[in-house]
Amino acid sequence: MSGNSDPLTPRAKLAVTAGKAVAAASRAAGRGSGSVIGGRVALKLDPDLLARLAQNLDVTLVSATNGKTTTTRLIAEALGAAGPVVSNALGANMPAGITSALAGSSDARYGVIEVDEKYLAGVARDTDPKCIALLNLSRDQLDRAAETRMLAENWREGLAGSKAVIVANADDPLVVWAASSSPNVIWVAAGQMWKDDAWSCPSCGGVMQRPGDDWFCGECGFRRPTPSWALSGDHVLDPHGSAWPIHLQLPGRANKANAASSAAVAAVFGVPPQVALERMWRVQAVAGRYDIVQFQQRDLRLLLAKNPAGWLETFSLIDPPPTPVILSVNARSADGTDTSWLWDVDYTRLSGHPICVIGDRKLDLAVRLEVANQNFQVCENLDQAVQMSPPGRIEVIANYTAFQDLRRRVGN
């Protein structure tokens, strides 16, 4: 496709103009980027606007519980080798935010779109994607997103018979079950650190057997597919058996897994793994994640993690003890108001770290850390937590709105 060059209808043009004006007014009023409210206004004026904006793009959708914003950024960087890319790089991942992002570019050839798990089927229907990347599914915002198997079932029904190439994680049983309804799937062995949402077979409800890296259901025969791409240490293995080195500025094994899935997506569009992976080096931080900032003459590394699987991955990439750690938890509507997930996290991995706890729900977290026999201090705010932290770079781990609060406080 040659890019988003076909003229929009007068109604669509009006919707785009109005949406941009409202977004600009929102920014001027200091109420954020304005992408969501701008998109809502635009879609009110033209309910088919998202489909119109996507019709001349080669679209890739990215959905998951964790890692979708980073993976979207990595794919967008990789596909930049083949032509101009438009993306919702800042993570506004529901239809309104996606519409705003696509309305901001008229010359793109590729659209790389992060999609909230609940909206994947609808956005796929509207955008007619060429590729869909499915990374993982685990418990998150239980009061909003519902139970994980229900999400997987929604994916499975929404993707049934899809013409898109599905790039899916072969190591996550829920993702495999969801993707298996599609006729064209590329399996990636991207790994699965958090397994506590994948002990029950999504197909029949039987108990999953998990010997080594394999998995299967002993009752119905549902089993791990053979991957054609794989993460192997610091390399991506392609379908021909070639090993391509991963060079990332982003930390942790999870981001290497994101890079492996991104390389598989890029290959769908003809971008060779070597080219894709080399371009991914350019990604230093994603919407503030992994940024190192100076605050009160201290270095703070900002880390976003918003559910048990995300906290587990984040604990694995922080500097070793006695590196100080600040944990911040809110439970506002954007986070999900149910904080029971805090009890699913293995806090023994923080043993030896001096811990300070802040955020709206700091006392909920304090009770959980007390039960886990961790040494910690409850602080009123970030300023006090930094003052009470011993010397050295501080790892700051926060869930969604707590992370936004932190970024505002440190001027990030």
Protein backbone atom coordinates (compact mmCIF):
# COMPACT_ATOMS: atom_id res chain seq x y z
CA MET A 1 0.00 0.00 0.00
CA SER A 2 1.24 3.46 -0.78
CA GLY A 3 0.19 5.24 2.38
CA ASN A 4 -2.78 7.01 3.84
CA SER A 5 -3.33 9.21 0.80
CA ASP A 6 -6.95 8.64 -0.26
CA PRO A 7 -9.05 11.73 0.44
CA LEU A 8 -11.33 11.51 3.47
CA THR A 9 -15.01 12.30 3.19
CA PRO A 10 -16.05 15.81 4.23
CA ARG A 11 -17.57 14.36 7.39
CA ALA A 12 -14.34 12.54 8.25
CA LYS A 13 -12.30 15.69 7.63
CA LEU A 14 -14.59 17.63 9.94
CA ALA A 15 -14.24 14.94 12.60
CA VAL A 16 -10.42 14.98 12.35
CA THR A 17 -10.30 18.78 12.56
CA ALA A 18 -12.65 18.91 15.53
CA GLY A 19 -10.77 16.16 17.33
CA LYS A 20 -7.44 17.95 16.88
CA ALA A 21 -8.93 21.22 18.12
CA VAL A 22 -10.34 19.60 21.26
CA ALA A 23 -7.04 17.80 21.91
CA ALA A 24 -5.15 21.09 21.57
CA ALA A 25 -7.53 22.77 24.00
CA SER A 26 -7.05 19.92 26.48
CA ARG A 27 -3.26 20.26 26.28
CA ALA A 28 -3.47 24.03 26.69
CA ALA A 29 -5.56 23.51 29.83
CA GLY A 30 -2.90 21.18 31.25
CA ARG A 31 -5.16 18.12 31.13
CA GLY A 32 -2.77 15.72 29.43
CA SER A 33 -2.11 14.96 25.77
CA GLY A 34 -5.77 15.33 24.77
CA SER A 35 -5.60 12.25 22.55
CA VAL A 36 -8.47 10.43 24.27
CA ILE A 37 -10.94 13.34 24.43
CA GLY A 38 -9.98 14.39 20.90
CA GLY A 39 -10.60 10.86 19.63
CA ARG A 40 -13.94 10.64 21.42
CA VAL A 41 -15.15 13.86 19.80
CA ALA A 42 -13.94 12.72 16.38
CA LEU A 43 -15.70 9.35 16.68
CA LYS A 44 -18.92 11.04 17.80
CA LEU A 45 -18.89 13.06 14.58
CA ASP A 46 -17.92 10.09 12.40
CA PRO A 47 -18.34 6.65 14.02
CA ASP A 48 -16.54 5.04 11.05
CA LEU A 49 -13.51 7.33 11.30
CA LEU A 50 -11.10 4.70 12.65
CA ALA A 51 -11.84 2.40 9.73
CA ARG A 52 -11.46 5.28 7.26
CA LEU A 53 -8.09 6.32 8.70
CA ALA A 54 -6.78 2.74 8.65
CA GLN A 55 -7.98 1.76 5.18
CA ASN A 56 -4.77 2.71 3.37
CA LEU A 57 -2.34 1.52 6.02
CA ASP A 58 -0.64 -1.84 6.51
CA VAL A 59 -1.76 -2.23 10.12
CA THR A 60 -0.17 -4.25 12.92
CA LEU A 61 -2.05 -4.59 16.22
CA VAL A 62 -0.24 -5.43 19.47
CA SER A 63 -2.12 -6.72 22.50
CA ALA A 64 -1.13 -8.29 25.81
CA THR A 65 -1.40 -7.82 29.54
CA ASN A 66 2.24 -6.74 29.80
CA GLY A 67 4.77 -5.42 27.31
CA LYS A 68 2.45 -4.12 24.63
CA THR A 69 3.58 -0.47 24.78
CA THR A 70 7.26 -1.42 24.56
CA THR A 71 6.65 -3.98 21.82
CA THR A 72 4.61 -1.46 19.82
CA ARG A 73 7.55 0.93 20.04
CA LEU A 74 10.04 -1.77 18.97
CA ILE A 75 7.91 -2.84 15.99
CA ALA A 76 7.40 0.76 14.90
CA GLU A 77 11.16 1.32 14.99
CA ALA A 78 11.80 -1.87 13.01
CA LEU A 79 9.18 -1.13 10.33
CA GLY A 80 10.66 2.34 9.90
CA ALA A 81 13.25 0.58 7.73
CA ALA A 82 10.51 -0.07 5.16
CA GLY A 83 8.60 3.20 5.20
CA PRO A 84 6.87 5.88 7.30
CA VAL A 85 5.09 4.61 10.41
CA VAL A 86 2.24 6.04 12.48
CA SER A 87 1.75 4.66 15.98
CA ASN A 88 0.04 5.36 19.29
CA ALA A 89 3.48 5.33 20.89
CA LEU A 90 2.36 6.91 24.17
CA GLY A 91 0.00 4.08 25.00
CA ALA A 92 -3.51 5.56 24.45
CA ASN A 93 -4.73 2.12 23.44
CA MET A 94 -8.53 2.27 23.29
CA PRO A 95 -10.46 3.27 20.14
CA ALA A 96 -10.50 7.01 20.92
CA GLY A 97 -6.75 7.20 21.53
CA ILE A 98 -6.02 5.02 18.49
CA THR A 99 -8.18 7.24 16.29
CA SER A 100 -6.30 10.35 17.48
CA ALA A 101 -2.96 8.72 16.71
CA LEU A 102 -3.93 7.73 13.17
CA ALA A 103 -5.45 11.14 12.51
CA GLY A 104 -2.08 12.71 13.25
CA SER A 105 -0.39 11.33 10.14
CA SER A 106 -1.35 11.56 6.50
CA ASP A 107 1.72 10.07 4.81
CA ALA A 108 2.35 6.87 6.76
CA ARG A 109 2.54 3.50 5.07
CA TYR A 110 2.41 1.39 8.23
CA GLY A 111 0.25 1.66 11.33
CA VAL A 112 1.57 0.00 14.49
CA ILE A 113 -1.17 0.11 17.09
CA GLU A 114 -1.19 -0.93 20.73
CA VAL A 115 -4.64 -2.21 21.70
CA ASP A 116 -6.15 -2.73 25.15
CA GLU A 117 -6.99 -6.42 25.59
CA LYS A 118 -10.73 -5.78 25.93
CA TYR A 119 -10.90 -3.88 22.64
CA LEU A 120 -8.79 -6.12 20.40
CA ALA A 121 -11.64 -7.80 18.52
CA GLY A 122 -13.41 -4.51 17.76
CA VAL A 123 -10.28 -2.67 16.68
CA ALA A 124 -9.29 -5.62 14.48
CA ARG A 125 -12.71 -5.46 12.83
CA ASP A 126 -12.33 -1.73 12.15
CA THR A 127 -8.70 -1.64 10.99
CA ASP A 128 -8.41 -4.86 8.92
CA PRO A 129 -4.85 -5.55 10.18
CA LYS A 130 -2.23 -7.41 8.19
CA CYS A 131 -0.60 -8.67 11.39
CA ILE A 132 -1.61 -9.08 15.04
CA ALA A 133 0.95 -9.71 17.80
CA LEU A 134 -0.32 -11.50 20.92
CA LEU A 135 2.26 -11.57 23.72
CA ASN A 136 0.70 -12.80 26.98
CA LEU A 137 -2.41 -12.86 29.15
CA SER A 138 -2.47 -12.74 32.96
CA ARG A 139 -4.56 -11.28 35.77
CA ASP A 140 -4.80 -7.49 35.67
CA GLN A 141 -7.43 -4.94 36.76
CA LEU A 142 -9.81 -7.72 37.77
CA ASP A 143 -12.67 -5.31 38.39
CA ARG A 144 -12.42 -3.98 34.81
CA ALA A 145 -10.81 -6.55 32.53
CA ALA A 146 -12.48 -9.66 33.96
CA GLU A 147 -11.04 -13.15 34.26
CA THR A 148 -8.16 -14.15 31.97
CA ARG A 149 -9.88 -17.09 30.29
CA MET A 150 -12.83 -14.84 29.43
CA LEU A 151 -10.42 -12.42 27.75
CA ALA A 152 -8.80 -15.31 25.88
CA GLU A 153 -12.23 -16.48 24.74
CA ASN A 154 -13.05 -12.98 23.46
CA TRP A 155 -9.78 -12.99 21.51
CA ARG A 156 -10.46 -16.47 20.17
CA GLU A 157 -13.95 -15.53 18.95
CA GLY A 158 -12.82 -12.18 17.55
CA LEU A 159 -9.88 -13.67 15.62
CA ALA A 160 -11.69 -16.71 14.24
CA GLY A 161 -11.13 -16.78 10.50
CA SER A 162 -9.08 -13.56 10.55
CA LYS A 163 -7.05 -12.86 7.41
CA ALA A 164 -4.30 -11.31 9.53
CA VAL A 165 -1.04 -13.08 10.25
CA ILE A 166 -1.08 -13.78 13.99
CA VAL A 167 2.33 -13.65 15.71
CA ALA A 168 1.71 -15.38 19.04
CA ASN A 169 3.66 -16.51 22.08
CA ALA A 170 3.85 -20.31 22.02
CA ASP A 171 4.79 -20.41 25.72
CA ASP A 172 1.52 -18.92 27.01
CA PRO A 173 -1.33 -21.48 26.90
CA LEU A 174 -4.03 -18.79 27.01
CA VAL A 175 -2.48 -16.97 24.04
CA VAL A 176 -2.10 -20.23 22.10
CA TRP A 177 -5.71 -21.17 22.69
CA ALA A 178 -6.89 -17.70 21.65
CA ALA A 179 -4.73 -17.62 18.51
CA SER A 180 -5.56 -21.17 17.41
CA SER A 181 -8.89 -20.05 15.96
CA SER A 182 -6.96 -18.20 13.27
CA PRO A 183 -5.75 -20.04 10.14
CA ASN A 184 -2.41 -18.22 9.84
CA VAL A 185 -0.28 -18.21 13.00
CA ILE A 186 3.46 -17.71 13.47
CA TRP A 187 4.54 -19.12 16.83
CA VAL A 188 7.29 -17.45 18.84
CA ALA A 189 8.98 -19.10 21.85
CA ALA A 190 9.09 -15.92 23.92
CA GLY A 191 8.92 -17.54 27.36
CA GLN A 192 6.56 -17.16 30.30
CA MET A 193 7.92 -16.23 33.73
CA TRP A 194 4.50 -15.86 35.41
CA LYS A 195 2.67 -19.18 35.14
CA ASP A 196 0.01 -18.85 37.84
CA ASP A 197 -2.75 -18.04 35.35
CA ALA A 198 -1.89 -21.00 33.13
CA TRP A 199 -2.27 -24.16 35.22
CA SER A 200 -5.81 -24.84 34.02
CA CYS A 201 -6.34 -25.90 30.41
CA PRO A 202 -8.30 -23.13 28.64
CA SER A 203 -9.77 -25.70 26.26
CA CYS A 204 -11.21 -28.27 28.69
CA GLY A 205 -10.42 -27.10 32.24
CA GLY A 206 -8.02 -29.95 32.94
CA VAL A 207 -4.74 -29.57 34.79
CA MET A 208 -1.83 -28.43 32.61
CA GLN A 209 1.39 -30.44 32.71
CA ARG A 210 4.52 -28.27 32.45
CA PRO A 211 7.71 -30.33 32.12
CA GLY A 212 10.61 -27.95 31.50
CA ASP A 213 9.72 -25.39 28.83
CA ASP A 214 6.99 -27.61 27.39
CA TRP A 215 3.34 -27.70 28.37
CA PHE A 216 0.32 -29.85 27.53
CA CYS A 217 -3.07 -30.90 28.86
CA GLY A 218 -3.13 -34.57 29.81
CA GLU A 219 -6.92 -34.71 29.44
CA CYS A 220 -7.72 -33.19 26.02
CA GLY A 221 -4.34 -33.16 24.27
CA PHE A 222 -4.11 -29.37 23.92
CA ARG A 223 -0.39 -28.68 23.80
CA ARG A 224 2.38 -26.21 23.05
CA PRO A 225 2.83 -25.68 19.30
CA THR A 226 6.23 -25.93 17.66
CA PRO A 227 7.64 -22.40 17.39
CA SER A 228 9.28 -21.08 14.23
CA TRP A 229 10.91 -18.14 16.04
CA ALA A 230 12.54 -18.30 19.47
CA LEU A 231 14.35 -16.25 22.05
CA SER A 232 17.59 -18.01 22.97
CA GLY A 233 19.64 -16.10 25.51
CA ASP A 234 20.78 -12.89 23.84
CA HIS A 235 19.76 -14.04 20.34
CA VAL A 236 16.65 -14.43 18.23
CA LEU A 237 16.43 -17.68 16.27
CA ASP A 238 14.61 -17.27 12.96
CA PRO A 239 12.71 -19.99 11.04
CA HIS A 240 15.90 -20.88 9.12
CA GLY A 241 17.82 -21.56 12.32
CA SER A 242 19.97 -18.43 12.07
CA ALA A 243 20.79 -16.68 15.36
CA TRP A 244 20.61 -12.88 15.38
CA PRO A 245 22.06 -10.90 18.30
CA ILE A 246 19.77 -8.69 20.36
CA HIS A 247 21.23 -5.29 21.24
CA LEU A 248 18.81 -3.34 23.41
CA GLN A 249 19.15 -0.35 25.67
CA LEU A 250 16.04 -1.58 27.49
CA PRO A 251 16.78 -3.88 30.47
CA GLY A 252 15.59 -7.37 31.32
CA ARG A 253 14.68 -10.68 29.75
CA ALA A 254 11.09 -9.56 29.12
CA ASN A 255 12.30 -6.92 26.67
CA LYS A 256 14.42 -9.48 24.83
CA ALA A 257 11.22 -11.51 24.47
CA ASN A 258 9.46 -8.40 23.18
CA ALA A 259 12.28 -7.96 20.66
CA ALA A 260 11.91 -11.57 19.46
CA SER A 261 8.18 -11.09 18.81
CA SER A 262 8.89 -7.73 17.16
CA ALA A 263 11.45 -9.31 14.81
CA ALA A 264 8.88 -11.92 13.78
CA VAL A 265 6.34 -9.18 13.04
CA ALA A 266 8.88 -7.15 11.05
CA ALA A 267 9.64 -10.20 8.93
CA VAL A 268 5.97 -10.38 7.91
CA PHE A 269 6.54 -7.01 6.21
CA GLY A 270 9.83 -8.05 4.62
CA VAL A 271 12.21 -6.43 7.11
CA PRO A 272 15.12 -8.85 7.78
CA PRO A 273 15.83 -9.79 11.43
CA GLN A 274 19.28 -8.22 11.40
CA VAL A 275 17.90 -4.87 10.20
CA ALA A 276 14.93 -4.99 12.61
CA LEU A 277 17.02 -5.84 15.66
CA GLU A 278 19.66 -3.22 14.87
CA ARG A 279 16.99 -0.53 14.65
CA MET A 280 15.53 -1.58 18.02
CA TRP A 281 18.74 -0.37 19.69
CA ARG A 282 17.45 3.18 19.19
CA VAL A 283 14.67 2.70 21.73
CA GLN A 284 15.96 4.02 25.07
CA ALA A 285 12.77 4.52 27.05
CA VAL A 286 9.07 4.11 26.40
CA ALA A 287 6.65 6.73 27.74
CA GLY A 288 8.90 7.26 30.76
CA ARG A 289 9.48 3.58 31.45
CA TYR A 290 13.15 2.82 32.25
CA ASP A 291 14.06 6.53 32.30
CA ILE A 292 16.79 7.48 34.76
CA VAL A 293 16.06 10.90 36.26
CA GLN A 294 17.72 13.13 38.80
CA PHE A 295 15.65 14.13 41.82
CA GLN A 296 16.94 15.62 45.04
CA GLN A 297 20.48 15.00 43.76
CA ARG A 298 19.76 11.27 43.46
CA ASP A 299 19.43 9.02 40.42
CA LEU A 300 16.03 7.33 40.16
CA ARG A 301 15.15 4.68 37.58
CA LEU A 302 11.42 4.76 36.81
CA LEU A 303 9.82 1.33 36.29
CA LEU A 304 6.15 0.73 35.48
CA ALA A 305 4.60 -2.53 36.67
CA LYS A 306 0.89 -2.89 37.28
CA ASN A 307 0.06 -6.53 38.05
CA PRO A 308 1.68 -9.66 39.55
CA ALA A 309 3.35 -10.76 36.31
CA GLY A 310 4.70 -7.26 35.70
CA TRP A 311 6.08 -6.93 39.23
CA LEU A 312 7.74 -10.35 38.96
CA GLU A 313 9.47 -9.36 35.70
CA THR A 314 10.50 -6.00 37.16
CA PHE A 315 11.97 -7.56 40.32
CA SER A 316 14.17 -9.67 38.03
CA LEU A 317 15.76 -6.67 36.29
CA ILE A 318 16.49 -4.29 39.17
CA ASP A 319 20.02 -3.91 40.49
CA PRO A 320 20.95 -6.40 43.25
CA PRO A 321 20.81 -5.68 47.00
CA PRO A 322 21.48 -3.40 48.77
CA THR A 323 20.05 -1.18 46.01
CA PRO A 324 17.21 0.88 47.55
CA VAL A 325 13.69 0.33 46.18
CA ILE A 326 10.63 2.57 46.34
CA LEU A 327 7.25 0.91 45.70
CA SER A 328 4.24 3.08 44.85
CA VAL A 329 0.68 1.77 44.49
CA ASN A 330 -2.59 3.55 43.69
CA ALA A 331 -6.02 2.06 43.09
CA ARG A 332 -7.80 4.68 41.01
CA SER A 333 -10.19 3.80 38.20
CA ALA A 334 -7.40 3.60 35.60
CA ASP A 335 -5.50 1.13 37.82
CA GLY A 336 -8.43 -0.99 38.83
CA THR A 337 -9.74 -0.47 42.35
CA ASP A 338 -9.20 -4.09 43.46
CA THR A 339 -5.80 -4.35 45.20
CA SER A 340 -6.07 -8.06 46.02
CA TRP A 341 -3.43 -8.69 43.35
CA LEU A 342 -0.80 -7.39 45.77
CA TRP A 343 -1.09 -10.71 47.61
CA ASP A 344 -0.13 -12.67 44.48
CA VAL A 345 3.33 -11.07 44.23
CA ASP A 346 6.41 -12.88 45.58
CA TYR A 347 8.08 -10.16 47.64
CA THR A 348 10.84 -12.45 48.91
CA ARG A 349 12.65 -11.48 45.71
CA LEU A 350 13.19 -8.08 47.33
CA SER A 351 14.99 -9.52 50.36
CA GLY A 352 18.07 -7.46 51.15
CA HIS A 353 16.75 -4.31 49.46
CA PRO A 354 15.89 -1.30 51.67
CA ILE A 355 12.23 -0.62 50.75
CA CYS A 356 10.14 2.53 51.04
CA VAL A 357 6.39 2.38 50.36
CA ILE A 358 4.29 5.30 49.03
CA GLY A 359 1.09 5.89 47.07
CA ASP A 360 -2.64 6.03 47.78
CA ARG A 361 -2.67 2.38 48.89
CA LYS A 362 0.66 2.29 50.70
CA LEU A 363 -0.92 0.73 53.78
CA ASP A 364 -2.37 -2.16 51.75
CA LEU A 365 1.11 -2.84 50.41
CA ALA A 366 2.66 -2.40 53.86
CA VAL A 367 0.46 -5.17 55.29
CA ARG A 368 1.49 -7.49 52.46
CA LEU A 369 5.21 -6.73 52.97
CA GLU A 370 4.83 -7.32 56.72
CA VAL A 371 3.39 -10.78 56.04
CA ALA A 372 6.30 -11.44 53.63
CA ASN A 373 8.79 -10.53 56.40
CA GLN A 374 10.35 -7.70 54.41
CA ASN A 375 12.03 -4.69 55.98
CA PHE A 376 10.32 -1.50 54.81
CA GLN A 377 9.34 2.04 55.74
CA VAL A 378 6.03 3.72 54.98
CA CYS A 379 6.55 7.27 53.66
CA GLU A 380 4.19 10.13 52.98
CA ASN A 381 5.46 10.92 49.49
CA LEU A 382 8.32 10.52 47.01
CA ASP A 383 10.34 13.33 48.57
CA GLN A 384 10.39 11.65 51.96
CA ALA A 385 11.07 8.21 50.46
CA VAL A 386 14.10 9.51 48.57
CA GLN A 387 15.42 11.22 51.71
CA MET A 388 15.07 8.00 53.71
CA SER A 389 16.67 5.76 51.07
CA PRO A 390 20.34 4.84 51.60
CA PRO A 391 22.97 5.91 49.03
CA GLY A 392 22.96 4.58 45.47
CA ARG A 393 20.63 4.66 42.49
CA ILE A 394 17.03 4.09 43.55
CA GLU A 395 14.75 1.69 41.69
CA VAL A 396 11.22 3.16 41.71
CA ILE A 397 8.47 0.67 40.84
CA ALA A 398 4.92 1.99 40.45
CA ASN A 399 1.60 0.93 38.99
CA TYR A 400 -0.17 3.00 36.37
CA THR A 401 -1.49 6.21 37.96
CA ALA A 402 1.23 6.09 40.62
CA PHE A 403 3.76 6.10 37.77
CA GLN A 404 2.11 9.16 36.24
CA ASP A 405 2.22 10.90 39.63
CA LEU A 406 5.93 10.12 39.90
CA ARG A 407 6.68 11.45 36.43
CA ARG A 408 4.93 14.71 37.23
CA ARG A 409 6.79 15.07 40.53
CA VAL A 410 10.25 14.52 39.01
CA GLY A 411 9.46 16.58 35.89
CA ASN A 412 9.78 13.65 33.47
